C-alpha atoms as a PDB file:
ATOM      1  CA  UNK A   1       0.000   0.000   0.000  1.00  0.00           C
ATOM      2  CA  UNK A   2       1.389   3.351  -0.991  1.00  0.00           C
ATOM      3  CA  UNK A   3       1.977   6.126   1.508  1.00  0.00           C
ATOM      4  CA  UNK A   4       1.479   8.725  -1.208  1.00  0.00           C
ATOM      5  CA  UNK A   5      -1.898  10.286  -1.941  1.00  0.00           C
ATOM      6  CA  UNK A   6      -1.348  13.083  -4.380  1.00  0.00           C
ATOM      7  CA  UNK A   7      -2.937  16.462  -3.720  1.00  0.00           C
ATOM      8  CA  UNK A   8      -4.396  15.411  -0.395  1.00  0.00           C
ATOM      9  CA  UNK A   9      -4.513  16.702   3.139  1.00  0.00           C
ATOM     10  CA  UNK A  10      -3.391  13.921   5.465  1.00  0.00           C
ATOM     11  CA  UNK A  11      -4.978  13.564   8.904  1.00  0.00           C
ATOM     12  CA  UNK A  12      -4.131  11.419  11.914  1.00  0.00           C
ATOM     13  CA  UNK A  13      -6.319   8.478  12.993  1.00  0.00           C
ATOM     14  CA  UNK A  14      -8.625   8.981  15.951  1.00  0.00           C
ATOM     15  CA  UNK A  15      -7.105   8.584  19.417  1.00  0.00           C
ATOM     16  CA  UNK A  16     -10.073   6.481  20.595  1.00  0.00           C
ATOM     17  CA  UNK A  17      -8.979   3.684  18.241  1.00  0.00           C
ATOM     18  CA  UNK A  18      -6.069   3.014  20.615  1.00  0.00           C
ATOM     19  CA  UNK A  19      -7.953   3.027  23.929  1.00  0.00           C
ATOM     20  CA  UNK A  20      -8.053  -0.411  25.550  1.00  0.00           C
ATOM     21  CA  UNK A  21     -10.923  -0.655  28.026  1.00  0.00           C
ATOM     22  CA  UNK A  22     -13.264  -3.648  28.200  1.00  0.00           C
ATOM     23  CA  UNK A  23     -15.787  -1.575  30.176  1.00  0.00           C
ATOM     24  CA  UNK A  24     -16.242   0.498  27.020  1.00  0.00           C
ATOM     25  CA  UNK A  25     -17.019  -2.124  24.367  1.00  0.00           C
ATOM     26  CA  UNK A  26     -17.740   0.555  21.783  1.00  0.00           C
ATOM     27  CA  UNK A  27     -16.259   4.021  21.326  1.00  0.00           C
ATOM     28  CA  UNK A  28     -17.286   6.417  18.576  1.00  0.00           C
ATOM     29  CA  UNK A  29     -15.764   9.207  16.523  1.00  0.00           C
ATOM     30  CA  UNK A  30     -16.946  11.462  13.700  1.00  0.00           C
ATOM     31  CA  UNK A  31     -14.926  13.383  11.150  1.00  0.00           C
ATOM     32  CA  UNK A  32     -15.403  15.714   8.195  1.00  0.00           C
ATOM     33  CA  UNK A  33     -13.177  14.912   5.224  1.00  0.00           C
ATOM     34  CA  UNK A  34     -12.533  17.112   2.235  1.00  0.00           C
ATOM     35  CA  UNK A  35     -12.536  15.615  -1.250  1.00  0.00           C
ATOM     36  CA  UNK A  36      -9.223  13.849  -1.930  1.00  0.00           C
ATOM     37  CA  UNK A  37      -8.172  14.076   1.712  1.00  0.00           C
ATOM     38  CA  UNK A  38      -6.872  11.045   3.579  1.00  0.00           C
ATOM     39  CA  UNK A  39      -5.923   9.431   6.866  1.00  0.00           C
ATOM     40  CA  UNK A  40      -2.289   8.393   7.144  1.00  0.00           C
ATOM     41  CA  UNK A  41      -1.747   4.616   6.757  1.00  0.00           C
ATOM     42  CA  UNK A  42      -2.128   2.980  10.150  1.00  0.00           C
ATOM     43  CA  UNK A  43      -3.416   0.111  12.281  1.00  0.00           C
ATOM     44  CA  UNK A  44      -5.007   0.166  15.735  1.00  0.00           C
ATOM     45  CA  UNK A  45      -5.981  -2.425  18.362  1.00  0.00           C
ATOM     46  CA  UNK A  46      -9.705  -1.704  18.250  1.00  0.00           C
ATOM     47  CA  UNK A  47     -11.720  -3.050  15.346  1.00  0.00           C
ATOM     48  CA  UNK A  48     -13.376  -0.296  13.307  1.00  0.00           C
ATOM     49  CA  UNK A  49     -16.731  -0.032  11.601  1.00  0.00           C
ATOM     50  CA  UNK A  50     -16.196   2.786   9.117  1.00  0.00           C
ATOM     51  CA  UNK A  51     -19.173   4.478   7.463  1.00  0.00           C
ATOM     52  CA  UNK A  52     -19.738   7.741   5.615  1.00  0.00           C
ATOM     53  CA  UNK A  53     -23.188   9.183   6.216  1.00  0.00           C
ATOM     54  CA  UNK A  54     -22.412  11.392   3.215  1.00  0.00           C
ATOM     55  CA  UNK A  55     -19.855  10.927   0.457  1.00  0.00           C
ATOM     56  CA  UNK A  56     -17.826   8.030  -0.867  1.00  0.00           C
ATOM     57  CA  UNK A  57     -14.701   6.536   0.710  1.00  0.00           C
ATOM     58  CA  UNK A  58     -11.762   4.547  -0.554  1.00  0.00           C
ATOM     59  CA  UNK A  59     -10.079   2.033   1.751  1.00  0.00           C
ATOM     60  CA  UNK A  60      -6.759   0.520   0.735  1.00  0.00           C
ATOM     61  CA  UNK A  61      -4.968  -2.398   2.390  1.00  0.00           C
ATOM     62  CA  UNK A  62      -1.770  -4.158   1.399  1.00  0.00           C
ATOM     63  CA  UNK A  63      -3.614  -6.377  -1.080  1.00  0.00           C
ATOM     64  CA  UNK A  64      -6.965  -4.828  -1.975  1.00  0.00           C
ATOM     65  CA  UNK A  65      -8.993  -1.681  -2.602  1.00  0.00           C
ATOM     66  CA  UNK A  66     -12.592  -0.938  -1.590  1.00  0.00           C
ATOM     67  CA  UNK A  67     -14.712   1.915  -2.966  1.00  0.00           C
ATOM     68  CA  UNK A  68     -17.485   2.486  -0.426  1.00  0.00           C
ATOM     69  CA  UNK A  69     -20.674   4.546  -0.935  1.00  0.00           C
ATOM     70  CA  UNK A  70     -22.937   5.688   1.902  1.00  0.00           C
ATOM     71  CA  UNK A  71     -25.163   2.616   1.560  1.00  0.00           C
ATOM     72  CA  UNK A  72     -22.308   0.438   2.796  1.00  0.00           C
ATOM     73  CA  UNK A  73     -19.789   0.313   5.617  1.00  0.00           C
ATOM     74  CA  UNK A  74     -16.444  -1.405   6.078  1.00  0.00           C
ATOM     75  CA  UNK A  75     -15.392  -3.607   8.961  1.00  0.00           C
ATOM     76  CA  UNK A  76     -11.667  -3.287   9.670  1.00  0.00           C
ATOM     77  CA  UNK A  77     -10.447  -5.819  12.274  1.00  0.00           C
ATOM     78  CA  UNK A  78      -7.992  -4.676  14.910  1.00  0.00           C
ATOM     79  CA  UNK A  79      -4.312  -4.425  13.948  1.00  0.00           C
ATOM     80  CA  UNK A  80      -5.029  -4.559  10.197  1.00  0.00           C
ATOM     81  CA  UNK A  81      -2.947  -1.976   8.341  1.00  0.00           C
ATOM     82  CA  UNK A  82      -5.066   0.271   6.105  1.00  0.00           C
ATOM     83  CA  UNK A  83      -5.509   3.721   4.612  1.00  0.00           C
ATOM     84  CA  UNK A  84      -8.729   5.738   4.296  1.00  0.00           C
ATOM     85  CA  UNK A  85      -9.279   8.410   1.663  1.00  0.00           C
ATOM     86  CA  UNK A  86     -12.215  10.567   0.629  1.00  0.00           C
ATOM     87  CA  UNK A  87     -13.233  10.119  -2.995  1.00  0.00           C
ATOM     88  CA  UNK A  88     -15.570  13.066  -2.412  1.00  0.00           C
ATOM     89  CA  UNK A  89     -16.226  15.341   0.538  1.00  0.00           C
ATOM     90  CA  UNK A  90     -17.419  12.934   3.237  1.00  0.00           C
ATOM     91  CA  UNK A  91     -18.834  12.852   6.734  1.00  0.00           C
ATOM     92  CA  UNK A  92     -17.489   9.737   8.440  1.00  0.00           C
ATOM     93  CA  UNK A  93     -19.007   8.092  11.488  1.00  0.00           C
ATOM     94  CA  UNK A  94     -16.808   5.480  13.170  1.00  0.00           C
ATOM     95  CA  UNK A  95     -17.413   2.775  15.740  1.00  0.00           C
ATOM     96  CA  UNK A  96     -14.405   1.229  17.477  1.00  0.00           C
ATOM     97  CA  UNK A  97     -14.742  -2.164  19.200  1.00  0.00           C
ATOM     98  CA  UNK A  98     -12.498  -3.133  22.107  1.00  0.00           C
ATOM     99  CA  UNK A  99     -10.370  -6.202  21.252  1.00  0.00           C
ATOM    100  CA  UNK A 100     -11.690  -8.070  24.303  1.00  0.00           C
ATOM    101  CA  UNK A 101     -14.924  -8.594  22.326  1.00  0.00           C
ATOM    102  CA  UNK A 102     -15.047 -11.065  19.450  1.00  0.00           C
ATOM    103  CA  UNK A 103     -17.293 -10.004  16.578  1.00  0.00           C
ATOM    104  CA  UNK A 104     -18.060 -11.446  13.138  1.00  0.00           C
ATOM    105  CA  UNK A 105     -16.602 -14.806  14.135  1.00  0.00           C
ATOM    106  CA  UNK A 106     -13.170 -13.284  14.521  1.00  0.00           C
ATOM    107  CA  UNK A 107     -12.805 -12.154  10.899  1.00  0.00           C
ATOM    108  CA  UNK A 108      -9.172 -11.284  10.199  1.00  0.00           C
ATOM    109  CA  UNK A 109      -9.545  -9.266   7.000  1.00  0.00           C
ATOM    110  CA  UNK A 110     -11.341  -6.124   5.868  1.00  0.00           C
ATOM    111  CA  UNK A 111     -14.938  -6.724   4.773  1.00  0.00           C
ATOM    112  CA  UNK A 112     -17.412  -4.434   3.035  1.00  0.00           C
ATOM    113  CA  UNK A 113     -20.873  -4.632   4.620  1.00  0.00           C
ATOM    114  CA  UNK A 114     -24.373  -3.554   3.647  1.00  0.00           C
ATOM    115  CA  UNK A 115     -25.455  -0.839   6.067  1.00  0.00           C
ATOM    116  CA  UNK A 116     -28.594  -1.841   8.000  1.00  0.00           C
ATOM    117  CA  UNK A 117     -31.263   0.677   9.109  1.00  0.00           C
ATOM    118  CA  UNK A 118     -30.722  -0.274  12.766  1.00  0.00           C
ATOM    119  CA  UNK A 119     -26.944   0.137  12.616  1.00  0.00           C
ATOM    120  CA  UNK A 120     -27.358   3.464  10.854  1.00  0.00           C
ATOM    121  CA  UNK A 121     -29.483   4.818  13.715  1.00  0.00           C
ATOM    122  CA  UNK A 122     -27.206   3.356  16.380  1.00  0.00           C
ATOM    123  CA  UNK A 123     -24.125   4.969  14.851  1.00  0.00           C
ATOM    124  CA  UNK A 124     -25.846   8.318  14.476  1.00  0.00           C
ATOM    125  CA  UNK A 125     -27.041   8.166  18.094  1.00  0.00           C
ATOM    126  CA  UNK A 126     -23.591   7.331  19.421  1.00  0.00           C
ATOM    127  CA  UNK A 127     -21.717   9.867  17.309  1.00  0.00           C
ATOM    128  CA  UNK A 128     -24.184  12.749  17.480  1.00  0.00           C
ATOM    129  CA  UNK A 129     -25.324  12.462  21.112  1.00  0.00           C
ATOM    130  CA  UNK A 130     -22.258  10.982  22.765  1.00  0.00           C
ATOM    131  CA  UNK A 131     -21.479  14.020  24.924  1.00  0.00           C
ATOM    132  CA  UNK A 132     -24.961  14.064  26.464  1.00  0.00           C
ATOM    133  CA  UNK A 133     -25.148  10.331  27.297  1.00  0.00           C
ATOM    134  CA  UNK A 134     -23.928   8.564  30.400  1.00  0.00           C
ATOM    135  CA  UNK A 135     -21.169   5.980  30.181  1.00  0.00           C
ATOM    136  CA  UNK A 136     -23.628   3.230  31.150  1.00  0.00           C
ATOM    137  CA  UNK A 137     -26.029   4.194  28.348  1.00  0.00           C
ATOM    138  CA  UNK A 138     -23.200   4.237  25.813  1.00  0.00           C
ATOM    139  CA  UNK A 139     -22.180   0.810  27.092  1.00  0.00           C
ATOM    140  CA  UNK A 140     -25.692  -0.591  26.654  1.00  0.00           C
ATOM    141  CA  UNK A 141     -25.988   0.812  23.145  1.00  0.00           C
ATOM    142  CA  UNK A 142     -22.552  -0.611  22.433  1.00  0.00           C
ATOM    143  CA  UNK A 143     -23.765  -4.120  23.199  1.00  0.00           C
ATOM    144  CA  UNK A 144     -26.596  -3.654  20.684  1.00  0.00           C
ATOM    145  CA  UNK A 145     -24.037  -2.436  18.140  1.00  0.00           C
ATOM    146  CA  UNK A 146     -22.014  -5.624  18.653  1.00  0.00           C
ATOM    147  CA  UNK A 147     -25.102  -7.781  18.118  1.00  0.00           C
ATOM    148  CA  UNK A 148     -26.034  -5.922  14.932  1.00  0.00           C
ATOM    149  CA  UNK A 149     -22.478  -5.945  13.614  1.00  0.00           C
ATOM    150  CA  UNK A 150     -22.463  -9.728  13.811  1.00  0.00           C
ATOM    151  CA  UNK A 151     -25.459 -10.056  11.455  1.00  0.00           C
ATOM    152  CA  UNK A 152     -24.724  -7.337   8.890  1.00  0.00           C
ATOM    153  CA  UNK A 153     -24.508  -8.836   5.400  1.00  0.00           C
ATOM    154  CA  UNK A 154     -21.131  -9.010   3.687  1.00  0.00           C
ATOM    155  CA  UNK A 155     -20.811  -7.349   0.296  1.00  0.00           C
ATOM    156  CA  UNK A 156     -17.974  -9.288  -1.272  1.00  0.00           C
ATOM    157  CA  UNK A 157     -16.802  -6.727  -3.760  1.00  0.00           C
ATOM    158  CA  UNK A 158     -13.251  -5.440  -3.784  1.00  0.00           C
ATOM    159  CA  UNK A 159     -10.321  -4.979  -6.109  1.00  0.00           C
ATOM    160  CA  UNK A 160      -7.195  -7.125  -5.652  1.00  0.00           C
ATOM    161  CA  UNK A 161      -4.089  -4.965  -5.652  1.00  0.00           C
ATOM    162  CA  UNK A 162      -1.336  -7.503  -6.332  1.00  0.00           C
ATOM    163  CA  UNK A 163       2.164  -7.694  -4.830  1.00  0.00           C
ATOM    164  CA  UNK A 164       4.587  -6.674  -7.566  1.00  0.00           C
ATOM    165  CA  UNK A 165       5.884  -3.145  -6.756  1.00  0.00           C
ATOM    166  CA  UNK A 166       5.289  -1.928 -10.324  1.00  0.00           C
ATOM    167  CA  UNK A 167       1.724  -3.215 -10.376  1.00  0.00           C
ATOM    168  CA  UNK A 168       0.975  -1.810  -6.917  1.00  0.00           C
ATOM    169  CA  UNK A 169       2.303   1.601  -7.942  1.00  0.00           C
ATOM    170  CA  UNK A 170       0.267   1.609 -11.152  1.00  0.00           C
ATOM    171  CA  UNK A 171      -2.893   0.621  -9.273  1.00  0.00           C
ATOM    172  CA  UNK A 172      -2.223   3.339  -6.702  1.00  0.00           C
ATOM    173  CA  UNK A 173      -1.939   5.877  -9.520  1.00  0.00           C
ATOM    174  CA  UNK A 174      -5.327   4.799 -10.868  1.00  0.00           C
ATOM    175  CA  UNK A 175      -7.035   4.682  -7.478  1.00  0.00           C
ATOM    176  CA  UNK A 176      -5.659   8.043  -6.363  1.00  0.00           C
ATOM    177  CA  UNK A 177      -6.685   9.699  -9.646  1.00  0.00           C
ATOM    178  CA  UNK A 178     -10.017   8.050 -10.565  1.00  0.00           C
ATOM    179  CA  UNK A 179     -11.005  10.658 -13.163  1.00  0.00           C
ATOM    180  CA  UNK A 180      -7.803  10.420 -15.233  1.00  0.00           C
ATOM    181  CA  UNK A 181      -7.956   8.525 -18.513  1.00  0.00           C
ATOM    182  CA  UNK A 182      -4.309   7.909 -19.376  1.00  0.00           C
ATOM    183  CA  UNK A 183      -3.508   5.088 -21.781  1.00  0.00           C
ATOM    184  CA  UNK A 184      -2.063   1.901 -20.324  1.00  0.00           C
ATOM    185  CA  UNK A 185       1.168   2.568 -22.220  1.00  0.00           C
ATOM    186  CA  UNK A 186       1.592   5.843 -20.315  1.00  0.00           C
ATOM    187  CA  UNK A 187       0.698   4.284 -16.966  1.00  0.00           C
ATOM    188  CA  UNK A 188       3.117   1.415 -17.593  1.00  0.00           C
ATOM    189  CA  UNK A 189       5.925   3.783 -18.607  1.00  0.00           C
ATOM    190  CA  UNK A 190       5.418   5.803 -15.409  1.00  0.00           C
ATOM    191  CA  UNK A 191       6.127   2.717 -13.281  1.00  0.00           C
ATOM    192  CA  UNK A 192       9.054   1.510 -15.375  1.00  0.00           C
ATOM    193  CA  UNK A 193       7.400  -1.447 -17.105  1.00  0.00           C
ATOM    194  CA  UNK A 194       6.192  -2.435 -20.547  1.00  0.00           C
ATOM    195  CA  UNK A 195       2.515  -2.814 -21.427  1.00  0.00           C
ATOM    196  CA  UNK A 196       3.094  -6.533 -21.919  1.00  0.00           C
ATOM    197  CA  UNK A 197       4.610  -6.872 -18.438  1.00  0.00           C
ATOM    198  CA  UNK A 198       1.756  -4.973 -16.791  1.00  0.00           C
ATOM    199  CA  UNK A 199      -0.860  -7.046 -18.613  1.00  0.00           C
ATOM    200  CA  UNK A 200       0.895 -10.208 -17.455  1.00  0.00           C
ATOM    201  CA  UNK A 201       1.061  -8.964 -13.859  1.00  0.00           C
ATOM    202  CA  UNK A 202      -2.624  -8.002 -13.804  1.00  0.00           C
ATOM    203  CA  UNK A 203      -3.634 -11.472 -14.957  1.00  0.00           C
ATOM    204  CA  UNK A 204      -1.233 -13.338 -12.677  1.00  0.00           C
ATOM    205  CA  UNK A 205      -1.783 -11.311  -9.503  1.00  0.00           C
ATOM    206  CA  UNK A 206      -5.394 -10.070  -9.699  1.00  0.00           C
ATOM    207  CA  UNK A 207      -7.038 -12.751 -11.820  1.00  0.00           C
ATOM    208  CA  UNK A 208      -8.245 -10.043 -14.224  1.00  0.00           C
ATOM    209  CA  UNK A 209      -6.754  -8.323 -17.221  1.00  0.00           C
ATOM    210  CA  UNK A 210      -6.219  -4.566 -17.116  1.00  0.00           C
ATOM    211  CA  UNK A 211      -9.485  -3.702 -18.866  1.00  0.00           C
ATOM    212  CA  UNK A 212     -11.505  -5.925 -16.542  1.00  0.00           C
ATOM    213  CA  UNK A 213      -9.838  -4.443 -13.441  1.00  0.00           C
ATOM    214  CA  UNK A 214     -10.292  -0.864 -14.658  1.00  0.00           C
ATOM    215  CA  UNK A 215     -13.937  -1.539 -15.555  1.00  0.00           C
ATOM    216  CA  UNK A 216     -14.671  -2.920 -12.090  1.00  0.00           C
ATOM    217  CA  UNK A 217     -12.989   0.060 -10.422  1.00  0.00           C
ATOM    218  CA  UNK A 218     -14.998   2.518 -12.504  1.00  0.00           C
ATOM    219  CA  UNK A 219     -18.261   0.711 -11.800  1.00  0.00           C
ATOM    220  CA  UNK A 220     -17.557   0.689  -8.059  1.00  0.00           C
ATOM    221  CA  UNK A 221     -16.639   4.352  -8.253  1.00  0.00           C
ATOM    222  CA  UNK A 222     -19.934   5.052 -10.060  1.00  0.00           C
ATOM    223  CA  UNK A 223     -22.078   3.636  -7.234  1.00  0.00           C
ATOM    224  CA  UNK A 224     -22.314   6.995  -5.509  1.00  0.00           C
ATOM    225  CA  UNK A 225     -23.631   8.622  -8.692  1.00  0.00           C
ATOM    226  CA  UNK A 226     -26.225   5.874  -9.038  1.00  0.00           C
ATOM    227  CA  UNK A 227     -27.284   6.224  -5.409  1.00  0.00           C
ATOM    228  CA  UNK A 228     -27.777   9.968  -5.804  1.00  0.00           C
ATOM    229  CA  UNK A 229     -29.942   9.489  -8.882  1.00  0.00           C
ATOM    230  CA  UNK A 230     -27.541  10.729 -11.549  1.00  0.00           C
ATOM    231  CA  UNK A 231     -28.695  10.226 -15.117  1.00  0.00           C
ATOM    232  CA  UNK A 232     -27.758   6.734 -16.312  1.00  0.00           C
ATOM    233  CA  UNK A 233     -26.846   8.012 -19.768  1.00  0.00           C
ATOM    234  CA  UNK A 234     -24.482  10.564 -18.248  1.00  0.00           C
ATOM    235  CA  UNK A 235     -22.854   7.952 -15.999  1.00  0.00           C
ATOM    236  CA  UNK A 236     -22.367   5.580 -18.932  1.00  0.00           C
ATOM    237  CA  UNK A 237     -20.787   8.368 -20.992  1.00  0.00           C
ATOM    238  CA  UNK A 238     -18.456   9.418 -18.164  1.00  0.00           C
ATOM    239  CA  UNK A 239     -17.306   5.803 -17.743  1.00  0.00           C
ATOM    240  CA  UNK A 240     -16.538   5.510 -21.450  1.00  0.00           C
ATOM    241  CA  UNK A 241     -19.249   3.017 -22.412  1.00  0.00           C
ATOM    242  CA  UNK A 242     -20.373   3.118 -26.055  1.00  0.00           C
ATOM    243  CA  UNK A 243     -24.042   2.856 -25.077  1.00  0.00           C
ATOM    244  CA  UNK A 244     -26.302   2.966 -22.040  1.00  0.00           C
ATOM    245  CA  UNK A 245     -27.291  -0.649 -22.614  1.00  0.00           C
ATOM    246  CA  UNK A 246     -23.672  -1.846 -22.445  1.00  0.00           C
ATOM    247  CA  UNK A 247     -23.222   0.051 -19.155  1.00  0.00           C
ATOM    248  CA  UNK A 248     -26.390  -1.519 -17.714  1.00  0.00           C
ATOM    249  CA  UNK A 249     -25.215  -4.999 -18.752  1.00  0.00           C
ATOM    250  CA  UNK A 250     -21.817  -4.455 -17.093  1.00  0.00           C
ATOM    251  CA  UNK A 251     -23.436  -3.022 -13.951  1.00  0.00           C
ATOM    252  CA  UNK A 252     -25.838  -5.973 -13.679  1.00  0.00           C
ATOM    253  CA  UNK A 253     -23.018  -8.463 -14.199  1.00  0.00           C
ATOM    254  CA  UNK A 254     -21.087  -6.965 -11.264  1.00  0.00           C
ATOM    255  CA  UNK A 255     -23.846  -5.985  -8.829  1.00  0.00           C
ATOM    256  CA  UNK A 256     -26.577  -8.475  -9.753  1.00  0.00           C
ATOM    257  CA  UNK A 257     -29.170  -5.867 -10.738  1.00  0.00           C
ATOM    258  CA  UNK A 258     -29.669  -2.847 -12.974  1.00  0.00           C
ATOM    259  CA  UNK A 259     -28.750   0.661 -11.739  1.00  0.00           C
ATOM    260  CA  UNK A 260     -32.450   1.471 -11.353  1.00  0.00           C
ATOM    261  CA  UNK A 261     -33.120  -1.659  -9.304  1.00  0.00           C
ATOM    262  CA  UNK A 262     -30.064  -0.975  -7.160  1.00  0.00           C
ATOM    263  CA  UNK A 263     -31.308   2.524  -6.420  1.00  0.00           C
ATOM    264  CA  UNK A 264     -34.787   1.270  -5.529  1.00  0.00           C
ATOM    265  CA  UNK A 265     -33.371  -1.406  -3.220  1.00  0.00           C
ATOM    266  CA  UNK A 266     -31.150   1.084  -1.357  1.00  0.00           C
ATOM    267  CA  UNK A 267     -33.987   3.578  -0.923  1.00  0.00           C
END
């Protein structure tokens, strides 16, 4: 995972992520993030449920990338190294779970989750009203959070990042500049490799060729536009699809439904 996020303002992780106290099963924290801002790469002992009530986030680990709209959250187990960036301006709401509590059957890797209505309200209550609540009330709500976290549905969609330094750098360049449309030959040259080498690395280390990987990244990045009701024709054009129908087919292949059905389901 790269430490470089171009044109960003880097912030420190929340102090509460490092507090070890079994009497406080859940601690919360909220943050405003500017577009293209980021949190320095880090790990912390408390597990983290990361959610943006507004905006779209990008989470990067050593081996994968997640693009996360407001309809989803990400579970980051304790001591897992990661980096958080704002694809857009975002309002994050975080829940941190003390390591003395085992959740989600002890999952050891980052998982994208579908946000549930109950968890949404619990997080908002804990992050917006924390100062006015007693420690015992926060503790009781924390136990409900742990129960709900255990049953939230996984959304198994991510982008493998590979291990070769050249491939990882190229992927970082794409992820950190999602709107750029440089040719693969230019991207490959910038990391000191040939197009043929990069194509081989994509296939060997991600299981996808470059076009498949780039298409998945763009579709994941487009989720926020779909959620906010952007015109499907405009989204398809911005993603470089030749027709709306080809965009809808690609979207359905990845997400299991059309953009319209996805929007209806999330609302």
